[in-house]
PDB file of N, CA and C in Angstrom:
ATOM      1  N   MET A   1       0.818  -1.200   0.000  1.00  0.00           N
ATOM      2  CA  MET A   1       0.000   0.000   0.000  1.00  0.00           C
ATOM      3  C   MET A   1       0.862   1.264   0.000  1.00  0.00           C
ATOM      4  N   LYS A   2       2.048   1.167   0.608  1.00  0.00           N
ATOM      5  CA  LYS A   2       2.936   2.333   0.624  1.00  0.00           C
ATOM      6  C   LYS A   2       3.344   2.738  -0.787  1.00  0.00           C
ATOM      7  N   THR A   3       3.506   1.750  -1.665  1.00  0.00           N
ATOM      8  CA  THR A   3       3.883   2.045  -3.043  1.00  0.00           C
ATOM      9  C   THR A   3       2.766   2.797  -3.752  1.00  0.00           C
ATOM     10  N   VAL A   4       1.519   2.381  -3.543  1.00  0.00           N
ATOM     11  CA  VAL A   4       0.371   3.071  -4.140  1.00  0.00           C
ATOM     12  C   VAL A   4       0.309   4.508  -3.626  1.00  0.00           C
ATOM     13  N   ASN A   5       0.475   4.679  -2.320  1.00  0.00           N
ATOM     14  CA  ASN A   5       0.446   6.019  -1.740  1.00  0.00           C
ATOM     15  C   ASN A   5       1.537   6.908  -2.334  1.00  0.00           C
ATOM     16  N   LEU A   6       2.722   6.352  -2.498  1.00  0.00           N
ATOM     17  CA  LEU A   6       3.836   7.104  -3.069  1.00  0.00           C
ATOM     18  C   LEU A   6       3.537   7.506  -4.511  1.00  0.00           C
ATOM     19  N   ILE A   7       3.027   6.578  -5.304  1.00  0.00           N
ATOM     20  CA  ILE A   7       2.709   6.871  -6.710  1.00  0.00           C
ATOM     21  C   ILE A   7       1.641   7.954  -6.800  1.00  0.00           C
ATOM     22  N   VAL A   8       0.572   7.820  -6.014  1.00  0.00           N
ATOM     23  CA  VAL A   8      -0.508   8.816  -6.034  1.00  0.00           C
ATOM     24  C   VAL A   8       0.031  10.176  -5.586  1.00  0.00           C
ATOM     25  N   ARG A   9       0.848  10.179  -4.550  1.00  0.00           N
ATOM     26  CA  ARG A   9       1.407  11.431  -4.029  1.00  0.00           C
ATOM     27  C   ARG A   9       2.277  12.119  -5.071  1.00  0.00           C
ATOM     28  N   ILE A  10       3.149  11.369  -5.731  1.00  0.00           N
ATOM     29  CA  ILE A  10       4.036  11.951  -6.742  1.00  0.00           C
ATOM     30  C   ILE A  10       3.239  12.428  -7.959  1.00  0.00           C
ATOM     31  N   LEU A  11       2.279  11.629  -8.409  1.00  0.00           N
ATOM     32  CA  LEU A  11       1.461  12.040  -9.564  1.00  0.00           C
ATOM     33  C   LEU A  11       0.677  13.308  -9.260  1.00  0.00           C
ATOM     34  N   LEU A  12       0.050  13.382  -8.083  1.00  0.00           N
ATOM     35  CA  LEU A  12      -0.703  14.585  -7.718  1.00  0.00           C
ATOM     36  C   LEU A  12       0.230  15.781  -7.612  1.00  0.00           C
ATOM     37  N   GLY A  13       1.359  15.594  -6.956  1.00  0.00           N
ATOM     38  CA  GLY A  13       2.305  16.697  -6.813  1.00  0.00           C
ATOM     39  C   GLY A  13       2.803  17.214  -8.146  1.00  0.00           C
ATOM     40  N   LEU A  14       3.142  16.314  -9.049  1.00  0.00           N
ATOM     41  CA  LEU A  14       3.612  16.730 -10.382  1.00  0.00           C
ATOM     42  C   LEU A  14       2.507  17.421 -11.173  1.00  0.00           C
ATOM     43  N   LEU A  15       1.294  16.877 -11.102  1.00  0.00           N
ATOM     44  CA  LEU A  15       0.163  17.501 -11.793  1.00  0.00           C
ATOM     45  C   LEU A  15      -0.034  18.931 -11.305  1.00  0.00           C
ATOM     46  N   LEU A  16       0.018  19.118 -10.000  1.00  0.00           N
ATOM     47  CA  LEU A  16      -0.157  20.461  -9.428  1.00  0.00           C
ATOM     48  C   LEU A  16       0.974  21.393  -9.817  1.00  0.00           C
ATOM     49  N   LEU A  17       2.192  20.890  -9.740  1.00  0.00           N
ATOM     50  CA  LEU A  17       3.350  21.710 -10.068  1.00  0.00           C
ATOM     51  C   LEU A  17       3.310  22.154 -11.527  1.00  0.00           C
ATOM     52  N   VAL A  18       3.006  21.236 -12.418  1.00  0.00           N
ATOM     53  CA  VAL A  18       2.964  21.560 -13.855  1.00  0.00           C
ATOM     54  C   VAL A  18       1.828  22.543 -14.158  1.00  0.00           C
ATOM     55  N   THR A  19       0.620  22.277 -13.637  1.00  0.00           N
ATOM     56  CA  THR A  19      -0.499  23.184 -13.940  1.00  0.00           C
ATOM     57  C   THR A  19      -0.317  24.544 -13.289  1.00  0.00           C
ATOM     58  N   GLY A  20       0.268  24.565 -12.100  1.00  0.00           N
ATOM     59  CA  GLY A  20       0.530  25.848 -11.446  1.00  0.00           C
ATOM     60  C   GLY A  20       1.556  26.668 -12.207  1.00  0.00           C
ATOM     61  N   LEU A  21       2.663  26.036 -12.592  1.00  0.00           N
ATOM     62  CA  LEU A  21       3.687  26.744 -13.362  1.00  0.00           C
ATOM     63  C   LEU A  21       3.172  27.178 -14.719  1.00  0.00           C
ATOM     64  N   ASN A  22       2.300  26.376 -15.324  1.00  0.00           N
ATOM     65  CA  ASN A  22       1.748  26.732 -16.634  1.00  0.00           C
ATOM     66  C   ASN A  22       0.941  28.030 -16.564  1.00  0.00           C
ATOM     67  N   LYS A  23       0.328  28.299 -15.443  1.00  0.00           N
ATOM     68  CA  LYS A  23      -0.443  29.546 -15.309  1.00  0.00           C
ATOM     69  C   LYS A  23       0.462  30.774 -15.393  1.00  0.00           C
ATOM     70  N   PHE A  24       1.734  30.615 -15.048  1.00  0.00           N
ATOM     71  CA  PHE A  24       2.694  31.716 -15.147  1.00  0.00           C
ATOM     72  C   PHE A  24       3.494  31.682 -16.442  1.00  0.00           C
ATOM     73  N   LEU A  25       3.894  30.494 -16.872  1.00  0.00           N
ATOM     74  CA  LEU A  25       4.828  30.370 -17.989  1.00  0.00           C
ATOM     75  C   LEU A  25       4.178  30.046 -19.327  1.00  0.00           C
ATOM     76  N   ASN A  26       2.931  29.614 -19.321  1.00  0.00           N
ATOM     77  CA  ASN A  26       2.178  29.311 -20.542  1.00  0.00           C
ATOM     78  C   ASN A  26       2.922  28.395 -21.509  1.00  0.00           C
ATOM     79  N   PHE A  27       3.458  27.288 -21.015  1.00  0.00           N
ATOM     80  CA  PHE A  27       4.160  26.338 -21.876  1.00  0.00           C
ATOM     81  C   PHE A  27       3.229  25.280 -22.450  1.00  0.00           C
ATOM     82  N   MET A  28       1.991  25.209 -21.951  1.00  0.00           N
ATOM     83  CA  MET A  28       0.974  24.323 -22.532  1.00  0.00           C
ATOM     84  C   MET A  28      -0.220  25.196 -22.917  1.00  0.00           C
ATOM     85  N   PRO A  29      -0.719  25.041 -24.139  1.00  0.00           N
ATOM     86  CA  PRO A  29      -1.850  25.880 -24.547  1.00  0.00           C
ATOM     87  C   PRO A  29      -3.112  25.527 -23.755  1.00  0.00           C
ATOM     88  N   MET A  30      -3.871  26.548 -23.433  1.00  0.00           N
ATOM     89  CA  MET A  30      -5.154  26.337 -22.761  1.00  0.00           C
ATOM     90  C   MET A  30      -6.172  25.892 -23.804  1.00  0.00           C
ATOM     91  N   PRO A  31      -6.994  24.905 -23.467  1.00  0.00           N
ATOM     92  CA  PRO A  31      -8.015  24.465 -24.428  1.00  0.00           C
ATOM     93  C   PRO A  31      -9.055  25.563 -24.662  1.00  0.00           C
ATOM     94  N   GLU A  32      -9.604  25.575 -25.850  1.00  0.00           N
ATOM     95  CA  GLU A  32     -10.650  26.543 -26.198  1.00  0.00           C
ATOM     96  C   GLU A  32     -11.894  26.301 -25.361  1.00  0.00           C
ATOM     97  N   MET A  33     -12.449  27.366 -24.840  1.00  0.00           N
ATOM     98  CA  MET A  33     -13.715  27.282 -24.107  1.00  0.00           C
ATOM     99  C   MET A  33     -14.713  28.207 -24.786  1.00  0.00           C
ATOM    100  N   THR A  34     -15.984  27.871 -24.637  1.00  0.00           N
ATOM    101  CA  THR A  34     -17.034  28.700 -25.221  1.00  0.00           C
ATOM    102  C   THR A  34     -18.129  28.920 -24.196  1.00  0.00           C
ATOM    103  N   GLY A  35     -18.974  29.865 -24.472  1.00  0.00           N
ATOM    104  CA  GLY A  35     -20.165  30.100 -23.673  1.00  0.00           C
ATOM    105  C   GLY A  35     -19.882  30.442 -22.226  1.00  0.00           C
ATOM    106  N   PRO A  36     -20.694  29.913 -21.312  1.00  0.00           N
ATOM    107  CA  PRO A  36     -20.558  30.237 -19.894  1.00  0.00           C
ATOM    108  C   PRO A  36     -19.189  29.873 -19.310  1.00  0.00           C
ATOM    109  N   ALA A  37     -18.573  28.804 -19.789  1.00  0.00           N
ATOM    110  CA  ALA A  37     -17.249  28.421 -19.286  1.00  0.00           C
ATOM    111  C   ALA A  37     -16.226  29.508 -19.600  1.00  0.00           C
ATOM    112  N   GLN A  38     -16.272  30.021 -20.823  1.00  0.00           N
ATOM    113  CA  GLN A  38     -15.344  31.076 -21.212  1.00  0.00           C
ATOM    114  C   GLN A  38     -15.629  32.361 -20.437  1.00  0.00           C
ATOM    115  N   GLU A  39     -16.886  32.699 -20.261  1.00  0.00           N
ATOM    116  CA  GLU A  39     -17.247  33.905 -19.511  1.00  0.00           C
ATOM    117  C   GLU A  39     -16.767  33.817 -18.070  1.00  0.00           C
ATOM    118  N   PHE A  40     -16.985  32.676 -17.446  1.00  0.00           N
ATOM    119  CA  PHE A  40     -16.561  32.482 -16.063  1.00  0.00           C
ATOM    120  C   PHE A  40     -15.044  32.569 -15.933  1.00  0.00           C
ATOM    121  N   MET A  41     -14.327  31.877 -16.827  1.00  0.00           N
ATOM    122  CA  MET A  41     -12.863  31.880 -16.776  1.00  0.00           C
ATOM    123  C   MET A  41     -12.312  33.275 -17.033  1.00  0.00           C
ATOM    124  N   MET A  42     -12.914  34.014 -17.960  1.00  0.00           N
ATOM    125  CA  MET A  42     -12.458  35.377 -18.241  1.00  0.00           C
ATOM    126  C   MET A  42     -12.701  36.295 -17.043  1.00  0.00           C
ATOM    127  N   ALA A  43     -13.791  36.073 -16.337  1.00  0.00           N
ATOM    128  CA  ALA A  43     -14.059  36.866 -15.133  1.00  0.00           C
ATOM    129  C   ALA A  43     -12.980  36.610 -14.073  1.00  0.00           C
ATOM    130  N   LEU A  44     -12.579  35.345 -13.929  1.00  0.00           N
ATOM    131  CA  LEU A  44     -11.519  35.024 -12.971  1.00  0.00           C
ATOM    132  C   LEU A  44     -10.203  35.676 -13.374  1.00  0.00           C
ATOM    133  N   VAL A  45      -9.884  35.611 -14.661  1.00  0.00           N
ATOM    134  CA  VAL A  45      -8.639  36.203 -15.156  1.00  0.00           C
ATOM    135  C   VAL A  45      -8.681  37.724 -14.996  1.00  0.00           C
ATOM    136  N   LYS A  46      -9.805  38.348 -15.335  1.00  0.00           N
ATOM    137  CA  LYS A  46      -9.936  39.804 -15.256  1.00  0.00           C
ATOM    138  C   LYS A  46      -9.884  40.319 -13.816  1.00  0.00           C
ATOM    139  N   SER A  47     -10.195  39.461 -12.846  1.00  0.00           N
ATOM    140  CA  SER A  47     -10.121  39.906 -11.450  1.00  0.00           C
ATOM    141  C   SER A  47      -8.699  40.324 -11.094  1.00  0.00           C
ATOM    142  N   GLY A  48      -7.728  39.749 -11.790  1.00  0.00           N
ATOM    143  CA  GLY A  48      -6.351  40.138 -11.600  1.00  0.00           C
ATOM    144  C   GLY A  48      -5.639  39.411 -10.467  1.00  0.00           C
ATOM    145  N   TYR A  49      -6.347  38.609  -9.691  1.00  0.00           N
ATOM    146  CA  TYR A  49      -5.683  37.935  -8.579  1.00  0.00           C
ATOM    147  C   TYR A  49      -6.095  36.472  -8.377  1.00  0.00           C
ATOM    148  N   ILE A  50      -7.284  36.102  -8.758  1.00  0.00           N
ATOM    149  CA  ILE A  50      -7.776  34.748  -8.465  1.00  0.00           C
ATOM    150  C   ILE A  50      -6.875  33.677  -9.086  1.00  0.00           C
ATOM    151  N   MET A  51      -6.588  33.785 -10.365  1.00  0.00           N
ATOM    152  CA  MET A  51      -5.799  32.746 -11.029  1.00  0.00           C
ATOM    153  C   MET A  51      -4.356  32.740 -10.521  1.00  0.00           C
ATOM    154  N   THR A  52      -3.848  33.894 -10.112  1.00  0.00           N
ATOM    155  CA  THR A  52      -2.515  33.955  -9.511  1.00  0.00           C
ATOM    156  C   THR A  52      -2.496  33.205  -8.191  1.00  0.00           C
ATOM    157  N   ILE A  53      -3.515  33.406  -7.370  1.00  0.00           N
ATOM    158  CA  ILE A  53      -3.596  32.700  -6.091  1.00  0.00           C
ATOM    159  C   ILE A  53      -3.745  31.199  -6.324  1.00  0.00           C
ATOM    160  N   VAL A  54      -4.586  30.802  -7.277  1.00  0.00           N
ATOM    161  CA  VAL A  54      -4.754  29.382  -7.587  1.00  0.00           C
ATOM    162  C   VAL A  54      -3.413  28.790  -8.022  1.00  0.00           C
ATOM    163  N   ALA A  55      -2.679  29.494  -8.874  1.00  0.00           N
ATOM    164  CA  ALA A  55      -1.379  29.006  -9.342  1.00  0.00           C
ATOM    165  C   ALA A  55      -0.404  28.856  -8.184  1.00  0.00           C
ATOM    166  N   ILE A  56      -0.358  29.840  -7.304  1.00  0.00           N
ATOM    167  CA  ILE A  56       0.555  29.781  -6.154  1.00  0.00           C
ATOM    168  C   ILE A  56       0.184  28.627  -5.233  1.00  0.00           C
ATOM    169  N   VAL A  57      -1.104  28.447  -4.979  1.00  0.00           N
ATOM    170  CA  VAL A  57      -1.556  27.325  -4.149  1.00  0.00           C
ATOM    171  C   VAL A  57      -1.168  25.999  -4.798  1.00  0.00           C
ATOM    172  N   GLU A  58      -1.365  25.879  -6.104  1.00  0.00           N
ATOM    173  CA  GLU A  58      -1.009  24.640  -6.797  1.00  0.00           C
ATOM    174  C   GLU A  58       0.491  24.365  -6.708  1.00  0.00           C
ATOM    175  N   ILE A  59       1.302  25.376  -6.913  1.00  0.00           N
ATOM    176  CA  ILE A  59       2.754  25.189  -6.888  1.00  0.00           C
ATOM    177  C   ILE A  59       3.229  24.816  -5.481  1.00  0.00           C
ATOM    178  N   ILE A  60       2.802  25.577  -4.486  1.00  0.00           N
ATOM    179  CA  ILE A  60       3.260  25.313  -3.119  1.00  0.00           C
ATOM    180  C   ILE A  60       2.774  23.959  -2.622  1.00  0.00           C
ATOM    181  N   THR A  61       1.489  23.669  -2.815  1.00  0.00           N
ATOM    182  CA  THR A  61       0.988  22.375  -2.342  1.00  0.00           C
ATOM    183  C   THR A  61       1.604  21.225  -3.141  1.00  0.00           C
ATOM    184  N   GLY A  62       1.826  21.431  -4.423  1.00  0.00           N
ATOM    185  CA  GLY A  62       2.470  20.399  -5.235  1.00  0.00           C
ATOM    186  C   GLY A  62       3.864  20.064  -4.720  1.00  0.00           C
ATOM    187  N   VAL A  63       4.649  21.092  -4.414  1.00  0.00           N
ATOM    188  CA  VAL A  63       5.998  20.864  -3.886  1.00  0.00           C
ATOM    189  C   VAL A  63       5.930  20.174  -2.527  1.00  0.00           C
ATOM    190  N   LEU A  64       5.051  20.648  -1.645  1.00  0.00           N
ATOM    191  CA  LEU A  64       4.923  20.046  -0.314  1.00  0.00           C
ATOM    192  C   LEU A  64       4.508  18.580  -0.402  1.00  0.00           C
ATOM    193  N   ILE A  65       3.619  18.263  -1.316  1.00  0.00           N
ATOM    194  CA  ILE A  65       3.169  16.880  -1.481  1.00  0.00           C
ATOM    195  C   ILE A  65       4.296  16.019  -2.054  1.00  0.00           C
ATOM    196  N   ILE A  66       5.032  16.531  -3.021  1.00  0.00           N
ATOM    197  CA  ILE A  66       6.141  15.765  -3.612  1.00  0.00           C
ATOM    198  C   ILE A  66       7.219  15.479  -2.572  1.00  0.00           C
ATOM    199  N   ILE A  67       7.616  16.502  -1.805  1.00  0.00           N
ATOM    200  CA  ILE A  67       8.707  16.299  -0.836  1.00  0.00           C
ATOM    201  C   ILE A  67       8.203  15.697   0.476  1.00  0.00           C
ATOM    202  N   ASN A  68       6.909  15.464   0.579  1.00  0.00           N
ATOM    203  CA  ASN A  68       6.299  14.822   1.739  1.00  0.00           C
ATOM    204  C   ASN A  68       6.527  15.606   3.029  1.00  0.00           C
ATOM    205  N   ARG A  69       6.403  16.907   2.962  1.00  0.00           N
ATOM    206  CA  ARG A  69       6.494  17.780   4.130  1.00  0.00           C
ATOM    207  C   ARG A  69       5.165  18.516   4.251  1.00  0.00           C
ATOM    208  N   TYR A  70       4.615  18.526   5.443  1.00  0.00           N
ATOM    209  CA  TYR A  70       3.324  19.184   5.700  1.00  0.00           C
ATOM    210  C   TYR A  70       2.260  18.697   4.722  1.00  0.00           C
ATOM    211  N   GLN A  71       2.323  17.416   4.377  1.00  0.00           N
ATOM    212  CA  GLN A  71       1.419  16.858   3.381  1.00  0.00           C
ATOM    213  C   GLN A  71      -0.042  17.012   3.773  1.00  0.00           C
ATOM    214  N   ALA A  72      -0.378  16.717   5.027  1.00  0.00           N
ATOM    215  CA  ALA A  72      -1.771  16.810   5.469  1.00  0.00           C
ATOM    216  C   ALA A  72      -2.278  18.244   5.328  1.00  0.00           C
ATOM    217  N   PHE A  73      -1.456  19.208   5.715  1.00  0.00           N
ATOM    218  CA  PHE A  73      -1.816  20.617   5.587  1.00  0.00           C
ATOM    219  C   PHE A  73      -2.020  20.986   4.119  1.00  0.00           C
ATOM    220  N   ALA A  74      -1.100  20.558   3.258  1.00  0.00           N
ATOM    221  CA  ALA A  74      -1.195  20.858   1.828  1.00  0.00           C
ATOM    222  C   ALA A  74      -2.466  20.266   1.233  1.00  0.00           C
ATOM    223  N   LEU A  75      -2.779  19.029   1.601  1.00  0.00           N
ATOM    224  CA  LEU A  75      -3.982  18.374   1.079  1.00  0.00           C
ATOM    225  C   LEU A  75      -5.244  19.099   1.523  1.00  0.00           C
ATOM    226  N   LEU A  76      -5.250  19.570   2.751  1.00  0.00           N
ATOM    227  CA  LEU A  76      -6.412  20.287   3.275  1.00  0.00           C
ATOM    228  C   LEU A  76      -6.603  21.627   2.576  1.00  0.00           C
ATOM    229  N   ILE A  77      -5.524  22.346   2.349  1.00  0.00           N
ATOM    230  CA  ILE A  77      -5.581  23.630   1.638  1.00  0.00           C
ATOM    231  C   ILE A  77      -5.997  23.405   0.183  1.00  0.00           C
ATOM    232  N   LEU A  78      -5.517  22.333  -0.396  1.00  0.00           N
ATOM    233  CA  LEU A  78      -5.755  22.057  -1.814  1.00  0.00           C
ATOM    234  C   LEU A  78      -7.181  21.618  -2.113  1.00  0.00           C
ATOM    235  N   PHE A  79      -7.831  20.926  -1.184  1.00  0.00           N
ATOM    236  CA  PHE A  79      -9.127  20.307  -1.461  1.00  0.00           C
ATOM    237  C   PHE A  79     -10.165  21.280  -2.033  1.00  0.00           C
ATOM    238  N   PRO A  80     -10.396  22.463  -1.430  1.00  0.00           N
ATOM    239  CA  PRO A  80     -11.413  23.356  -2.017  1.00  0.00           C
ATOM    240  C   PRO A  80     -11.061  23.835  -3.426  1.00  0.00           C
ATOM    241  N   VAL A  81      -9.781  23.988  -3.712  1.00  0.00           N
ATOM    242  CA  VAL A  81      -9.359  24.410  -5.048  1.00  0.00           C
ATOM    243  C   VAL A  81      -9.685  23.314  -6.063  1.00  0.00           C
ATOM    244  N   MET A  82      -9.366  22.070  -5.711  1.00  0.00           N
ATOM    245  CA  MET A  82      -9.627  20.947  -6.617  1.00  0.00           C
ATOM    246  C   MET A  82     -11.127  20.680  -6.764  1.00  0.00           C
ATOM    247  N   LEU A  83     -11.864  20.819  -5.682  1.00  0.00           N
ATOM    248  CA  LEU A  83     -13.314  20.646  -5.754  1.00  0.00           C
ATOM    249  C   LEU A  83     -13.927  21.692  -6.680  1.00  0.00           C
ATOM    250  N   ASN A  84     -13.484  22.924  -6.575  1.00  0.00           N
ATOM    251  CA  ASN A  84     -13.995  23.985  -7.436  1.00  0.00           C
ATOM    252  C   ASN A  84     -13.632  23.730  -8.904  1.00  0.00           C
ATOM    253  N   ALA A  85     -12.405  23.273  -9.153  1.00  0.00           N
ATOM    254  CA  ALA A  85     -12.001  22.961 -10.532  1.00  0.00           C
ATOM    255  C   ALA A  85     -12.874  21.848 -11.101  1.00  0.00           C
ATOM    256  N   PHE A  86     -13.119  20.825 -10.291  1.00  0.00           N
ATOM    257  CA  PHE A  86     -13.972  19.713 -10.723  1.00  0.00           C
ATOM    258  C   PHE A  86     -15.389  20.202 -11.024  1.00  0.00           C
ATOM    259  N   LEU A  87     -15.963  20.998 -10.128  1.00  0.00           N
ATOM    260  CA  LEU A  87     -17.332  21.497 -10.326  1.00  0.00           C
ATOM    261  C   LEU A  87     -17.430  22.426 -11.528  1.00  0.00           C
ATOM    262  N   PHE A  88     -16.391  23.233 -11.749  1.00  0.00           N
ATOM    263  CA  PHE A  88     -16.363  24.086 -12.933  1.00  0.00           C
ATOM    264  C   PHE A  88     -16.496  23.224 -14.190  1.00  0.00           C
ATOM    265  N   HIS A  89     -15.687  22.178 -14.268  1.00  0.00           N
ATOM    266  CA  HIS A  89     -15.732  21.317 -15.449  1.00  0.00           C
ATOM    267  C   HIS A  89     -17.020  20.510 -15.515  1.00  0.00           C
ATOM    268  N   LEU A  90     -17.529  20.076 -14.386  1.00  0.00           N
ATOM    269  CA  LEU A  90     -18.764  19.295 -14.371  1.00  0.00           C
ATOM    270  C   LEU A  90     -19.938  20.100 -14.918  1.00  0.00           C
ATOM    271  N   PHE A  91     -20.034  21.363 -14.536  1.00  0.00           N
ATOM    272  CA  PHE A  91     -21.194  22.172 -14.924  1.00  0.00           C
ATOM    273  C   PHE A  91     -20.976  23.058 -16.142  1.00  0.00           C
ATOM    274  N   LEU A  92     -19.716  23.422 -16.437  1.00  0.00           N
ATOM    275  CA  LEU A  92     -19.494  24.389 -17.506  1.00  0.00           C
ATOM    276  C   LEU A  92     -18.616  23.888 -18.653  1.00  0.00           C
ATOM    277  N   ASP A  93     -17.793  22.861 -18.430  1.00  0.00           N
ATOM    278  CA  ASP A  93     -16.847  22.421 -19.461  1.00  0.00           C
ATOM    279  C   ASP A  93     -16.562  20.936 -19.286  1.00  0.00           C
ATOM    280  N   ILE A  94     -17.566  20.116 -19.507  1.00  0.00           N
ATOM    281  CA  ILE A  94     -17.476  18.673 -19.235  1.00  0.00           C
ATOM    282  C   ILE A  94     -16.361  18.001 -20.027  1.00  0.00           C
ATOM    283  N   GLU A  95     -16.010  18.536 -21.203  1.00  0.00           N
ATOM    284  CA  GLU A  95     -14.963  17.930 -22.020  1.00  0.00           C
ATOM    285  C   GLU A  95     -13.614  17.952 -21.313  1.00  0.00           C
ATOM    286  N   GLY A  96     -13.388  18.927 -20.445  1.00  0.00           N
ATOM    287  CA  GLY A  96     -12.093  19.068 -19.778  1.00  0.00           C
ATOM    288  C   GLY A  96     -12.060  18.521 -18.368  1.00  0.00           C
ATOM    289  N   ILE A  97     -12.994  17.652 -18.021  1.00  0.00           N
ATOM    290  CA  ILE A  97     -13.127  17.207 -16.639  1.00  0.00           C
ATOM    291  C   ILE A  97     -12.050  16.214 -16.188  1.00  0.00           C
ATOM    292  N   GLY A  98     -11.365  15.572 -17.118  1.00  0.00           N
ATOM    293  CA  GLY A  98     -10.431  14.494 -16.788  1.00  0.00           C
ATOM    294  C   GLY A  98      -9.378  14.848 -15.751  1.00  0.00           C
ATOM    295  N   GLY A  99      -8.636  15.906 -15.988  1.00  0.00           N
ATOM    296  CA  GLY A  99      -7.558  16.291 -15.076  1.00  0.00           C
ATOM    297  C   GLY A  99      -8.054  16.677 -13.702  1.00  0.00           C
ATOM    298  N   SER A 100      -9.148  17.439 -13.662  1.00  0.00           N
ATOM    299  CA  SER A 100      -9.672  17.865 -12.358  1.00  0.00           C
ATOM    300  C   SER A 100     -10.272  16.688 -11.596  1.00  0.00           C
ATOM    301  N   LEU A 101     -10.878  15.749 -12.306  1.00  0.00           N
ATOM    302  CA  LEU A 101     -11.415  14.556 -11.648  1.00  0.00           C
ATOM    303  C   LEU A 101     -10.283  13.714 -11.064  1.00  0.00           C
ATOM    304  N   MET A 102      -9.223  13.527 -11.843  1.00  0.00           N
ATOM    305  CA  MET A 102      -8.083  12.767 -11.362  1.00  0.00           C
ATOM    306  C   MET A 102      -7.456  13.432 -10.134  1.00  0.00           C
ATOM    307  N   ALA A 103      -7.268  14.749 -10.191  1.00  0.00           N
ATOM    308  CA  ALA A 103      -6.686  15.472  -9.057  1.00  0.00           C
ATOM    309  C   ALA A 103      -7.577  15.376  -7.826  1.00  0.00           C
ATOM    310  N   LEU A 104      -8.887  15.486  -8.012  1.00  0.00           N
ATOM    311  CA  LEU A 104      -9.810  15.394  -6.879  1.00  0.00           C
ATOM    312  C   LEU A 104      -9.794  13.991  -6.276  1.00  0.00           C
ATOM    313  N   ILE A 105      -9.756  12.965  -7.103  1.00  0.00           N
ATOM    314  CA  ILE A 105      -9.693  11.587  -6.604  1.00  0.00           C
ATOM    315  C   ILE A 105      -8.387  11.365  -5.836  1.00  0.00           C
ATOM    316  N   PHE A 106      -7.268  11.810  -6.400  1.00  0.00           N
ATOM    317  CA  PHE A 106      -5.975  11.654  -5.724  1.00  0.00           C
ATOM    318  C   PHE A 106      -5.963  12.410  -4.396  1.00  0.00           C
ATOM    319  N   ASN A 107      -6.484  13.645  -4.414  1.00  0.00           N
ATOM    320  CA  ASN A 107      -6.527  14.458  -3.202  1.00  0.00           C
ATOM    321  C   ASN A 107      -7.374  13.777  -2.135  1.00  0.00           C
ATOM    322  N   THR A 108      -8.554  13.311  -2.512  1.00  0.00           N
ATOM    323  CA  THR A 108      -9.455  12.644  -1.573  1.00  0.00           C
ATOM    324  C   THR A 108      -8.822  11.364  -1.036  1.00  0.00           C
ATOM    325  N   TYR A 109      -8.196  10.589  -1.909  1.00  0.00           N
ATOM    326  CA  TYR A 109      -7.525   9.360  -1.483  1.00  0.00           C
ATOM    327  C   TYR A 109      -6.449   9.665  -0.441  1.00  0.00           C
ATOM    328  N   LEU A 110      -5.605  10.663  -0.716  1.00  0.00           N
ATOM    329  CA  LEU A 110      -4.532  10.991   0.217  1.00  0.00           C
ATOM    330  C   LEU A 110      -5.065  11.585   1.519  1.00  0.00           C
ATOM    331  N   LEU A 111      -6.158  12.334   1.445  1.00  0.00           N
ATOM    332  CA  LEU A 111      -6.797  12.809   2.682  1.00  0.00           C
ATOM    333  C   LEU A 111      -7.252  11.629   3.523  1.00  0.00           C
ATOM    334  N   PHE A 112      -7.858  10.640   2.876  1.00  0.00           N
ATOM    335  CA  PHE A 112      -8.328   9.450   3.596  1.00  0.00           C
ATOM    336  C   PHE A 112      -7.163   8.678   4.200  1.00  0.00           C
ATOM    337  N   VAL A 113      -6.098   8.511   3.428  1.00  0.00           N
ATOM    338  CA  VAL A 113      -4.916   7.792   3.918  1.00  0.00           C
ATOM    339  C   VAL A 113      -4.323   8.501   5.141  1.00  0.00           C
ATOM    340  N   ASN A 114      -4.416   9.818   5.178  1.00  0.00           N
ATOM    341  CA  ASN A 114      -3.857  10.612   6.278  1.00  0.00           C
ATOM    342  C   ASN A 114      -4.900  10.996   7.318  1.00  0.00           C
ATOM    343  N   LYS A 115      -6.030  10.297   7.358  1.00  0.00           N
ATOM    344  CA  LYS A 115      -7.135  10.711   8.224  1.00  0.00           C
ATOM    345  C   LYS A 115      -6.759  10.805   9.696  1.00  0.00           C
ATOM    346  N   GLU A 116      -5.784  10.039  10.145  1.00  0.00           N
ATOM    347  CA  GLU A 116      -5.360  10.086  11.551  1.00  0.00           C
ATOM    348  C   GLU A 116      -4.815  11.471  11.905  1.00  0.00           C
ATOM    349  N   LYS A 117      -4.230  12.145  10.953  1.00  0.00           N
ATOM    350  CA  LYS A 117      -3.657  13.465  11.208  1.00  0.00           C
ATOM    351  C   LYS A 117      -4.714  14.543  11.387  1.00  0.00           C
ATOM    352  N   PHE A 118      -5.966  14.222  11.025  1.00  0.00           N
ATOM    353  CA  PHE A 118      -7.049  15.200  11.125  1.00  0.00           C
ATOM    354  C   PHE A 118      -7.958  14.971  12.323  1.00  0.00           C
ATOM    355  N   LYS A 119      -7.668  13.973  13.137  1.00  0.00           N
ATOM    356  CA  LYS A 119      -8.547  13.643  14.265  1.00  0.00           C
ATOM    357  C   LYS A 119      -8.760  14.827  15.195  1.00  0.00           C
ATOM    358  N   ALA A 120      -7.722  15.582  15.460  1.00  0.00           N
ATOM    359  CA  ALA A 120      -7.824  16.703  16.401  1.00  0.00           C
ATOM    360  C   ALA A 120      -8.810  17.769  15.913  1.00  0.00           C
ATOM    361  N   ILE A 121      -8.828  18.022  14.619  1.00  0.00           N
ATOM    362  CA  ILE A 121      -9.739  19.068  14.123  1.00  0.00           C
ATOM    363  C   ILE A 121     -11.132  18.529  13.805  1.00  0.00           C
ATOM    364  N   LEU A 122     -11.301  17.219  13.842  1.00  0.00           N
ATOM    365  CA  LEU A 122     -12.597  16.631  13.539  1.00  0.00           C
ATOM    366  C   LEU A 122     -13.348  16.145  14.775  1.00  0.00           C
ATOM    367  N   THR A 123     -12.810  16.423  15.948  1.00  0.00           N
ATOM    368  CA  THR A 123     -13.519  16.047  17.172  1.00  0.00           C
ATOM    369  C   THR A 123     -14.232  17.258  17.743  1.00  0.00           C
ATOM    370  N   ALA A 124     -15.389  17.001  18.326  1.00  0.00           N
ATOM    371  CA  ALA A 124     -16.191  18.109  18.893  1.00  0.00           C
ATOM    372  C   ALA A 124     -15.561  18.632  20.165  1.00  0.00           C
TER     373      ALA A 124
END
C-alpha cells in the first residue's frame, strides 16, 4: 500500500506543479472554451488575482506533497481548489473534466490515507 500512496502522491504533486507553473509560464496551450465556461474563466482572469492565487496554491501544495512535508496541511488547503475545478468542469466544461477529476480523486484518497492526522480538528 505504501507504493500506491507514493505513486498517487508523486502524480498529484507533479500535476499540481505543472499546472501551477503553466499559469505563469504558458508552456501548454489552454483548451478553447465557449459560452458560460469562457465567460466564467475570463471573469476570474480579469479579477487580476484569483488565477494567480490558484497558481501559487497549486505550486506550493504540489511541492509540499512531492517532498512529503506538511502533506496533510497541503492536502487540506488544496481540497477546495480541486473541488472547485472539478465542479467548474462538471457544470461548464465537461470535455475538460479528466484532469480535475483525477486530481480530486488523488486528493481525496490521500486525505483518507492521512485521516489520523485530522482527528484533532474533527472532534467536537
